[in-house]
């Protein structure tokens, strides 16, 4: 008899652990850029580094959650975080051009 495949394989775990730092960096960079485009000129706040922006992103996730229902795998969650950040950057850039 064939044994059922485990949900988490070593390859998927390794890939998820490789994607995690990329997702943190991308979200931090996007938030830092959006902060520089909108918050700095509007509120005269100081610019924030990508590391500070990544920290702000983590704090926001702690307070507001991820909006995930818990059914996504870790890898899918990280890839959706990266794609959402890229979409937000594109929309923010388009809006930034009109300011």
Protein backbone atom coordinates (compact mmCIF):
# COMPACT_ATOMS: atom_id res chain seq x y z
CA UNK A 1 0.00 0.00 0.00
CA UNK A 2 1.10 3.52 -0.75
CA UNK A 3 1.50 5.81 2.20
CA UNK A 4 -0.15 9.22 1.94
CA UNK A 5 2.14 12.09 1.03
CA UNK A 6 2.84 14.48 3.89
CA UNK A 7 1.51 18.02 3.51
CA UNK A 8 4.91 19.55 4.22
CA UNK A 9 7.88 18.10 2.44
CA UNK A 10 11.47 19.10 3.02
CA UNK A 11 11.63 20.79 -0.38
CA UNK A 12 8.54 22.90 0.30
CA UNK A 13 9.84 23.87 3.72
CA UNK A 14 13.22 24.84 2.30
CA UNK A 15 11.61 26.86 -0.49
CA UNK A 16 9.37 28.63 2.02
CA UNK A 17 12.36 29.50 4.18
CA UNK A 18 14.17 30.89 1.14
CA UNK A 19 11.18 32.98 0.05
CA UNK A 20 10.59 34.45 3.54
CA UNK A 21 13.60 36.85 3.55
CA UNK A 22 12.75 37.92 0.01
CA UNK A 23 9.19 38.71 1.10
CA UNK A 24 10.43 40.69 4.11
CA UNK A 25 12.83 42.68 1.94
CA UNK A 26 10.27 43.39 -0.80
CA UNK A 27 7.58 44.46 1.67
CA UNK A 28 10.08 46.65 3.51
CA UNK A 29 11.29 48.32 0.33
CA UNK A 30 7.77 48.92 -0.95
CA UNK A 31 6.61 50.38 2.36
CA UNK A 32 9.72 52.60 2.55
CA UNK A 33 9.08 53.90 -0.96
CA UNK A 34 5.39 54.53 -0.32
CA UNK A 35 6.28 56.21 2.98
CA UNK A 36 8.72 58.49 1.14
CA UNK A 37 6.19 59.36 -1.55
CA UNK A 38 3.19 60.06 0.66
CA UNK A 39 3.92 60.32 4.40
CA UNK A 40 7.12 62.40 4.28
CA UNK A 41 5.74 65.26 2.14
CA UNK A 42 2.23 65.20 3.64
CA UNK A 43 2.99 64.83 7.36
CA UNK A 44 6.62 66.04 7.28
CA UNK A 45 7.65 62.80 8.94
CA UNK A 46 11.23 61.58 8.65
CA UNK A 47 12.02 59.01 5.98
CA UNK A 48 12.13 55.38 7.05
CA UNK A 49 14.68 52.75 6.00
CA UNK A 50 13.65 49.44 4.48
CA UNK A 51 14.47 47.70 7.76
CA UNK A 52 12.31 50.15 9.71
CA UNK A 53 9.55 49.71 7.16
CA UNK A 54 9.80 45.92 7.47
CA UNK A 55 9.43 46.32 11.23
CA UNK A 56 6.38 48.54 10.75
CA UNK A 57 4.95 45.89 8.47
CA UNK A 58 5.41 43.25 11.15
CA UNK A 59 3.76 45.46 13.75
CA UNK A 60 0.84 46.08 11.40
CA UNK A 61 0.50 42.36 10.83
CA UNK A 62 0.44 41.75 14.58
CA UNK A 63 -2.32 44.31 15.14
CA UNK A 64 -4.44 43.80 12.04
CA UNK A 65 -3.63 40.23 10.99
CA UNK A 66 -2.91 39.02 7.50
CA UNK A 67 -6.45 38.66 6.22
CA UNK A 68 -5.65 34.99 5.63
CA UNK A 69 -8.13 32.38 6.74
CA UNK A 70 -5.35 29.95 7.63
CA UNK A 71 -5.94 27.68 4.64
CA UNK A 72 -2.97 28.92 2.61
CA UNK A 73 0.38 27.26 2.88
CA UNK A 74 3.32 29.29 4.15
CA UNK A 75 4.80 29.51 0.66
CA UNK A 76 1.54 30.68 -0.91
CA UNK A 77 1.15 33.23 1.86
CA UNK A 78 4.66 34.62 1.22
CA UNK A 79 4.13 34.74 -2.55
CA UNK A 80 0.82 36.54 -2.13
CA UNK A 81 2.50 39.03 0.23
CA UNK A 82 5.16 39.73 -2.41
CA UNK A 83 2.61 40.12 -5.20
CA UNK A 84 0.37 42.36 -3.07
CA UNK A 85 3.36 44.57 -2.26
CA UNK A 86 4.27 44.87 -5.94
CA UNK A 87 0.69 45.77 -6.87
CA UNK A 88 0.59 48.37 -4.07
CA UNK A 89 3.87 49.83 -5.34
CA UNK A 90 2.51 50.11 -8.88
CA UNK A 91 -0.71 51.78 -7.73
CA UNK A 92 1.22 54.05 -5.39
CA UNK A 93 3.58 55.05 -8.18
CA UNK A 94 0.68 55.91 -10.47
CA UNK A 95 -0.91 58.01 -7.73
CA UNK A 96 2.44 59.59 -6.91
CA UNK A 97 2.68 60.90 -10.49
CA UNK A 98 -0.48 62.96 -9.96
CA UNK A 99 0.76 64.70 -6.80
